[in-house]
Amino acid sequence: MSENKSKLQISQLKDFYFKKRRMPSYAELAALMKFKSKNAAQYLVKKWIEAGVVAKDASGKLLPGKPFFPVKVLGEIKAGWPSPAEEENVDTVSLDDWLIQNKEATFMLKVSGDSMIDAGIHPGDMVIINRGKQPKNGDIVIAEIDSEWTLKYFVKSGSQVLLRPANRKYATIKPKQELRIAGVVTSVIRKYS
């Protein structure tokens, strides 16, 4: 396979991922690459796994590989007083590696509502959640409380658990019947343009 064809196929895979917010199935990959069979897609995936472009989870589903989202780190910028900055290529970082601790236990949700605005979480932001992490006092969690889902601070006092908003317009929530913590927020992503 030529290098140009390989780059084009990887580009098509990334386009699919960014549009659908998931990796394709083998049938979708075969259609995307205009293959006549899923066997050709499986062969391509095998090559991509060897190259680190994709990986598989425990159930065999495709995951983006480490070089999927490489971003150059050019140095540091002070958030205090302005100072001259020099650009130098310090490193290349995969956002997956930097933002995600456990790929198989991680998912992402889009935020609606303003109950966490004072915590810096705005409507339209994306939150990354680790469902395998045990919540600690003060963590921001995704919780199902009395059959409704919400994003709030986890507050535990003795055996009582409360869900506290980060906006004075909203009241602290005390579960009447049930509370299930679905995961702990580990990152917030905001797109400015």
C-alpha atoms as a PDB file:
ATOM      1  CA  MET A   1       0.000   0.000   0.000  1.00  0.00           C
ATOM      2  CA  SER A   2       1.396   3.418  -0.919  1.00  0.00           C
ATOM      3  CA  GLU A   3       2.081   5.974   1.799  1.00  0.00           C
ATOM      4  CA  ASN A   4      -0.352   8.448   0.187  1.00  0.00           C
ATOM      5  CA  LYS A   5      -3.155   5.861   0.091  1.00  0.00           C
ATOM      6  CA  SER A   6      -2.464   4.949   3.720  1.00  0.00           C
ATOM      7  CA  LYS A   7      -2.615   8.628   4.784  1.00  0.00           C
ATOM      8  CA  LEU A   8      -5.874   9.076   2.864  1.00  0.00           C
ATOM      9  CA  GLN A   9      -7.435   6.034   4.577  1.00  0.00           C
ATOM     10  CA  ILE A  10      -6.356   7.264   8.022  1.00  0.00           C
ATOM     11  CA  SER A  11      -7.745  10.704   7.159  1.00  0.00           C
ATOM     12  CA  GLN A  12     -11.084   9.091   6.191  1.00  0.00           C
ATOM     13  CA  LEU A  13     -11.095   7.191   9.496  1.00  0.00           C
ATOM     14  CA  LYS A  14     -10.470  10.385  11.464  1.00  0.00           C
ATOM     15  CA  ASP A  15     -13.209  12.222   9.540  1.00  0.00           C
ATOM     16  CA  PHE A  16     -15.646   9.414  10.405  1.00  0.00           C
ATOM     17  CA  TYR A  17     -14.598   9.582  14.066  1.00  0.00           C
ATOM     18  CA  PHE A  18     -15.032  13.358  14.325  1.00  0.00           C
ATOM     19  CA  LYS A  19     -18.423  13.325  12.582  1.00  0.00           C
ATOM     20  CA  LYS A  20     -19.901  10.325  14.435  1.00  0.00           C
ATOM     21  CA  ARG A  21     -17.976  10.665  17.746  1.00  0.00           C
ATOM     22  CA  ARG A  22     -17.140   6.950  17.575  1.00  0.00           C
ATOM     23  CA  MET A  23     -15.026   4.511  15.609  1.00  0.00           C
ATOM     24  CA  PRO A  24     -16.664   2.619  12.719  1.00  0.00           C
ATOM     25  CA  SER A  25     -17.746  -1.014  12.817  1.00  0.00           C
ATOM     26  CA  TYR A  26     -15.993  -3.383  10.383  1.00  0.00           C
ATOM     27  CA  ALA A  27     -18.982  -3.164   8.007  1.00  0.00           C
ATOM     28  CA  GLU A  28     -18.911   0.653   8.152  1.00  0.00           C
ATOM     29  CA  LEU A  29     -15.144   0.642   7.644  1.00  0.00           C
ATOM     30  CA  ALA A  30     -15.495  -1.616   4.594  1.00  0.00           C
ATOM     31  CA  ALA A  31     -18.109   0.760   3.120  1.00  0.00           C
ATOM     32  CA  LEU A  32     -15.998   3.823   3.996  1.00  0.00           C
ATOM     33  CA  MET A  33     -12.929   2.384   2.247  1.00  0.00           C
ATOM     34  CA  LYS A  34     -15.039   0.992  -0.628  1.00  0.00           C
ATOM     35  CA  PHE A  35     -13.930  -2.575   0.133  1.00  0.00           C
ATOM     36  CA  LYS A  36     -16.033  -5.470  -1.157  1.00  0.00           C
ATOM     37  CA  SER A  37     -15.768  -7.424   2.094  1.00  0.00           C
ATOM     38  CA  LYS A  38     -15.302  -7.026   5.825  1.00  0.00           C
ATOM     39  CA  ASN A  39     -12.211  -9.273   5.531  1.00  0.00           C
ATOM     40  CA  ALA A  40     -10.362  -6.451   3.759  1.00  0.00           C
ATOM     41  CA  ALA A  41     -11.414  -4.089   6.577  1.00  0.00           C
ATOM     42  CA  GLN A  42     -10.158  -6.588   9.174  1.00  0.00           C
ATOM     43  CA  TYR A  43      -6.808  -6.817   7.364  1.00  0.00           C
ATOM     44  CA  LEU A  44      -6.533  -3.013   7.333  1.00  0.00           C
ATOM     45  CA  VAL A  45      -7.393  -2.829  11.049  1.00  0.00           C
ATOM     46  CA  LYS A  46      -4.687  -5.406  11.793  1.00  0.00           C
ATOM     47  CA  LYS A  47      -2.144  -3.171  10.020  1.00  0.00           C
ATOM     48  CA  TRP A  48      -3.428  -0.104  11.879  1.00  0.00           C
ATOM     49  CA  ILE A  49      -3.153  -1.884  15.231  1.00  0.00           C
ATOM     50  CA  GLU A  50       0.466  -2.818  14.447  1.00  0.00           C
ATOM     51  CA  ALA A  51       1.168   0.828  13.558  1.00  0.00           C
ATOM     52  CA  GLY A  52      -0.636   2.116  16.686  1.00  0.00           C
ATOM     53  CA  VAL A  53      -3.256   4.033  14.671  1.00  0.00           C
ATOM     54  CA  VAL A  54      -6.102   2.140  16.382  1.00  0.00           C
ATOM     55  CA  ALA A  55      -6.518  -0.210  19.311  1.00  0.00           C
ATOM     56  CA  LYS A  56      -9.255  -2.564  20.514  1.00  0.00           C
ATOM     57  CA  ASP A  57     -11.070  -2.640  23.841  1.00  0.00           C
ATOM     58  CA  ALA A  58     -11.833  -5.841  25.768  1.00  0.00           C
ATOM     59  CA  SER A  59     -14.983  -6.457  23.684  1.00  0.00           C
ATOM     60  CA  GLY A  60     -13.140  -6.034  20.357  1.00  0.00           C
ATOM     61  CA  LYS A  61     -14.484  -2.560  19.498  1.00  0.00           C
ATOM     62  CA  LEU A  62     -12.079  -0.166  17.831  1.00  0.00           C
ATOM     63  CA  LEU A  63     -10.546   2.707  19.795  1.00  0.00           C
ATOM     64  CA  PRO A  64      -8.438   5.600  18.526  1.00  0.00           C
ATOM     65  CA  GLY A  65      -4.741   4.828  18.913  1.00  0.00           C
ATOM     66  CA  LYS A  66      -2.147   7.006  20.624  1.00  0.00           C
ATOM     67  CA  PRO A  67      -1.138   9.047  17.560  1.00  0.00           C
ATOM     68  CA  PHE A  68      -4.789   9.718  16.656  1.00  0.00           C
ATOM     69  CA  PHE A  69      -4.896  13.226  18.130  1.00  0.00           C
ATOM     70  CA  PRO A  70      -1.297  14.425  18.370  1.00  0.00           C
ATOM     71  CA  VAL A  71      -0.913  18.084  19.329  1.00  0.00           C
ATOM     72  CA  LYS A  72       2.423  19.890  19.513  1.00  0.00           C
ATOM     73  CA  VAL A  73       3.404  21.381  22.846  1.00  0.00           C
ATOM     74  CA  LEU A  74       5.324  24.539  22.018  1.00  0.00           C
ATOM     75  CA  GLY A  75       6.333  25.576  25.534  1.00  0.00           C
ATOM     76  CA  GLU A  76       4.689  27.440  28.375  1.00  0.00           C
ATOM     77  CA  ILE A  77       2.762  30.706  28.630  1.00  0.00           C
ATOM     78  CA  LYS A  78       2.520  32.791  31.774  1.00  0.00           C
ATOM     79  CA  ALA A  79      -0.945  33.747  32.922  1.00  0.00           C
ATOM     80  CA  GLY A  80       0.455  36.569  35.067  1.00  0.00           C
ATOM     81  CA  TRP A  81       2.265  39.655  33.752  1.00  0.00           C
ATOM     82  CA  PRO A  82       3.052  39.678  30.028  1.00  0.00           C
ATOM     83  CA  SER A  83       6.533  38.505  29.106  1.00  0.00           C
ATOM     84  CA  PRO A  84       8.341  37.793  25.850  1.00  0.00           C
ATOM     85  CA  ALA A  85       7.560  34.281  24.625  1.00  0.00           C
ATOM     86  CA  GLU A  86       9.758  32.115  22.471  1.00  0.00           C
ATOM     87  CA  GLU A  87       8.202  29.322  20.481  1.00  0.00           C
ATOM     88  CA  GLU A  88       9.978  26.007  20.491  1.00  0.00           C
ATOM     89  CA  ASN A  89       8.687  22.546  19.848  1.00  0.00           C
ATOM     90  CA  VAL A  90       8.940  20.988  23.335  1.00  0.00           C
ATOM     91  CA  ASP A  91       7.010  17.770  22.718  1.00  0.00           C
ATOM     92  CA  THR A  92       4.059  16.183  20.952  1.00  0.00           C
ATOM     93  CA  VAL A  93       1.191  15.088  23.184  1.00  0.00           C
ATOM     94  CA  SER A  94      -1.806  12.910  22.438  1.00  0.00           C
ATOM     95  CA  LEU A  95      -4.905  14.505  23.960  1.00  0.00           C
ATOM     96  CA  ASP A  96      -6.168  10.989  24.686  1.00  0.00           C
ATOM     97  CA  ASP A  97      -3.097  10.268  26.816  1.00  0.00           C
ATOM     98  CA  TRP A  98      -3.310  13.622  28.564  1.00  0.00           C
ATOM     99  CA  LEU A  99      -7.070  13.694  29.265  1.00  0.00           C
ATOM    100  CA  ILE A 100      -8.029  10.020  29.585  1.00  0.00           C
ATOM    101  CA  GLN A 101      -6.755   7.758  32.351  1.00  0.00           C
ATOM    102  CA  ASN A 102      -8.755   4.636  31.485  1.00  0.00           C
ATOM    103  CA  LYS A 103     -10.124   4.488  27.905  1.00  0.00           C
ATOM    104  CA  GLU A 104     -12.491   1.610  28.563  1.00  0.00           C
ATOM    105  CA  ALA A 105     -14.106   3.357  31.552  1.00  0.00           C
ATOM    106  CA  THR A 106     -14.291   6.806  29.946  1.00  0.00           C
ATOM    107  CA  PHE A 107     -17.096   8.542  28.103  1.00  0.00           C
ATOM    108  CA  MET A 108     -17.950  12.110  27.127  1.00  0.00           C
ATOM    109  CA  LEU A 109     -21.139  14.172  27.481  1.00  0.00           C
ATOM    110  CA  LYS A 110     -22.195  17.591  26.224  1.00  0.00           C
ATOM    111  CA  VAL A 111     -23.330  19.965  28.984  1.00  0.00           C
ATOM    112  CA  SER A 112     -26.671  21.753  28.906  1.00  0.00           C
ATOM    113  CA  GLY A 113     -27.869  24.109  31.625  1.00  0.00           C
ATOM    114  CA  ASP A 114     -25.945  26.494  33.859  1.00  0.00           C
ATOM    115  CA  SER A 115     -26.003  24.879  37.309  1.00  0.00           C
ATOM    116  CA  MET A 116     -22.203  24.328  37.250  1.00  0.00           C
ATOM    117  CA  ILE A 117     -21.186  27.647  35.706  1.00  0.00           C
ATOM    118  CA  ASP A 118     -19.294  28.850  38.811  1.00  0.00           C
ATOM    119  CA  ALA A 119     -17.138  25.717  38.540  1.00  0.00           C
ATOM    120  CA  GLY A 120     -16.203  26.806  35.008  1.00  0.00           C
ATOM    121  CA  ILE A 121     -18.541  24.354  33.267  1.00  0.00           C
ATOM    122  CA  HIS A 122     -20.727  26.151  30.725  1.00  0.00           C
ATOM    123  CA  PRO A 123     -23.551  25.059  28.405  1.00  0.00           C
ATOM    124  CA  GLY A 124     -22.024  23.500  25.283  1.00  0.00           C
ATOM    125  CA  ASP A 125     -18.867  22.318  27.059  1.00  0.00           C
ATOM    126  CA  MET A 126     -17.895  18.657  26.817  1.00  0.00           C
ATOM    127  CA  VAL A 127     -17.105  16.782  30.036  1.00  0.00           C
ATOM    128  CA  ILE A 128     -14.963  13.654  30.181  1.00  0.00           C
ATOM    129  CA  ILE A 129     -16.183  11.172  32.767  1.00  0.00           C
ATOM    130  CA  ASN A 130     -14.394   8.198  34.308  1.00  0.00           C
ATOM    131  CA  ARG A 131     -17.037   5.687  35.403  1.00  0.00           C
ATOM    132  CA  GLY A 132     -14.431   3.551  37.194  1.00  0.00           C
ATOM    133  CA  LYS A 133     -13.307   6.273  39.607  1.00  0.00           C
ATOM    134  CA  GLN A 134     -14.732   6.377  43.132  1.00  0.00           C
ATOM    135  CA  PRO A 135     -16.100   9.846  43.940  1.00  0.00           C
ATOM    136  CA  LYS A 136     -14.476  11.822  46.730  1.00  0.00           C
ATOM    137  CA  ASN A 137     -15.927  14.774  48.598  1.00  0.00           C
ATOM    138  CA  GLY A 138     -15.832  17.790  46.276  1.00  0.00           C
ATOM    139  CA  ASP A 139     -15.569  15.825  43.007  1.00  0.00           C
ATOM    140  CA  ILE A 140     -17.904  16.780  40.172  1.00  0.00           C
ATOM    141  CA  VAL A 141     -20.010  13.754  39.261  1.00  0.00           C
ATOM    142  CA  ILE A 142     -22.636  12.544  36.831  1.00  0.00           C
ATOM    143  CA  ALA A 143     -25.459  11.174  38.961  1.00  0.00           C
ATOM    144  CA  GLU A 144     -28.893   9.661  38.582  1.00  0.00           C
ATOM    145  CA  ILE A 145     -31.008  10.987  41.411  1.00  0.00           C
ATOM    146  CA  ASP A 146     -34.612   9.854  41.775  1.00  0.00           C
ATOM    147  CA  SER A 147     -34.674   8.792  38.084  1.00  0.00           C
ATOM    148  CA  GLU A 148     -33.202  12.059  36.726  1.00  0.00           C
ATOM    149  CA  TRP A 149     -29.631  12.722  35.548  1.00  0.00           C
ATOM    150  CA  THR A 150     -27.534  15.677  36.663  1.00  0.00           C
ATOM    151  CA  LEU A 151     -24.005  17.088  36.858  1.00  0.00           C
ATOM    152  CA  LYS A 152     -23.141  18.368  40.362  1.00  0.00           C
ATOM    153  CA  TYR A 153     -20.552  18.440  43.159  1.00  0.00           C
ATOM    154  CA  PHE A 154     -20.492  15.250  45.262  1.00  0.00           C
ATOM    155  CA  VAL A 155     -20.787  16.160  48.953  1.00  0.00           C
ATOM    156  CA  LYS A 156     -20.695  13.421  51.594  1.00  0.00           C
ATOM    157  CA  SER A 157     -21.248  14.061  55.290  1.00  0.00           C
ATOM    158  CA  GLY A 158     -21.288  10.855  57.333  1.00  0.00           C
ATOM    159  CA  SER A 159     -23.624   8.504  55.486  1.00  0.00           C
ATOM    160  CA  GLN A 160     -25.575  11.304  53.789  1.00  0.00           C
ATOM    161  CA  VAL A 161     -24.747  12.274  50.195  1.00  0.00           C
ATOM    162  CA  LEU A 162     -25.835  15.577  48.679  1.00  0.00           C
ATOM    163  CA  LEU A 163     -25.421  16.972  45.172  1.00  0.00           C
ATOM    164  CA  ARG A 164     -24.445  20.636  45.226  1.00  0.00           C
ATOM    165  CA  PRO A 165     -24.651  22.979  42.221  1.00  0.00           C
ATOM    166  CA  ALA A 166     -22.065  25.638  41.389  1.00  0.00           C
ATOM    167  CA  ASN A 167     -24.611  28.388  40.801  1.00  0.00           C
ATOM    168  CA  ARG A 168     -26.550  30.213  43.564  1.00  0.00           C
ATOM    169  CA  LYS A 169     -29.746  30.063  41.476  1.00  0.00           C
ATOM    170  CA  TYR A 170     -30.002  26.326  42.217  1.00  0.00           C
ATOM    171  CA  ALA A 171     -30.573  24.454  45.471  1.00  0.00           C
ATOM    172  CA  THR A 172     -28.562  21.529  46.829  1.00  0.00           C
ATOM    173  CA  ILE A 173     -30.222  18.222  45.994  1.00  0.00           C
ATOM    174  CA  LYS A 174     -30.869  15.528  48.598  1.00  0.00           C
ATOM    175  CA  PRO A 175     -31.998  12.165  47.187  1.00  0.00           C
ATOM    176  CA  LYS A 176     -35.514  11.204  48.231  1.00  0.00           C
ATOM    177  CA  GLN A 177     -35.314   7.593  47.064  1.00  0.00           C
ATOM    178  CA  GLU A 178     -32.247   6.631  45.084  1.00  0.00           C
ATOM    179  CA  LEU A 179     -28.865   7.971  44.045  1.00  0.00           C
ATOM    180  CA  ARG A 180     -26.500   6.355  41.574  1.00  0.00           C
ATOM    181  CA  ILE A 181     -23.145   7.884  40.687  1.00  0.00           C
ATOM    182  CA  ALA A 182     -22.341   7.109  37.030  1.00  0.00           C
ATOM    183  CA  GLY A 183     -18.856   8.602  37.057  1.00  0.00           C
ATOM    184  CA  VAL A 184     -16.476  11.384  38.068  1.00  0.00           C
ATOM    185  CA  VAL A 185     -15.705  14.311  35.769  1.00  0.00           C
ATOM    186  CA  THR A 186     -11.976  14.336  35.008  1.00  0.00           C
ATOM    187  CA  SER A 187     -11.799  17.041  32.311  1.00  0.00           C
ATOM    188  CA  VAL A 188     -13.806  19.822  30.709  1.00  0.00           C
ATOM    189  CA  ILE A 189     -13.344  20.783  27.066  1.00  0.00           C
ATOM    190  CA  ARG A 190     -14.527  24.119  25.711  1.00  0.00           C
ATOM    191  CA  LYS A 191     -14.328  25.123  22.071  1.00  0.00           C
ATOM    192  CA  TYR A 192     -14.046  28.885  21.514  1.00  0.00           C
ATOM    193  CA  SER A 193     -14.527  29.056  17.782  1.00  0.00           C
END
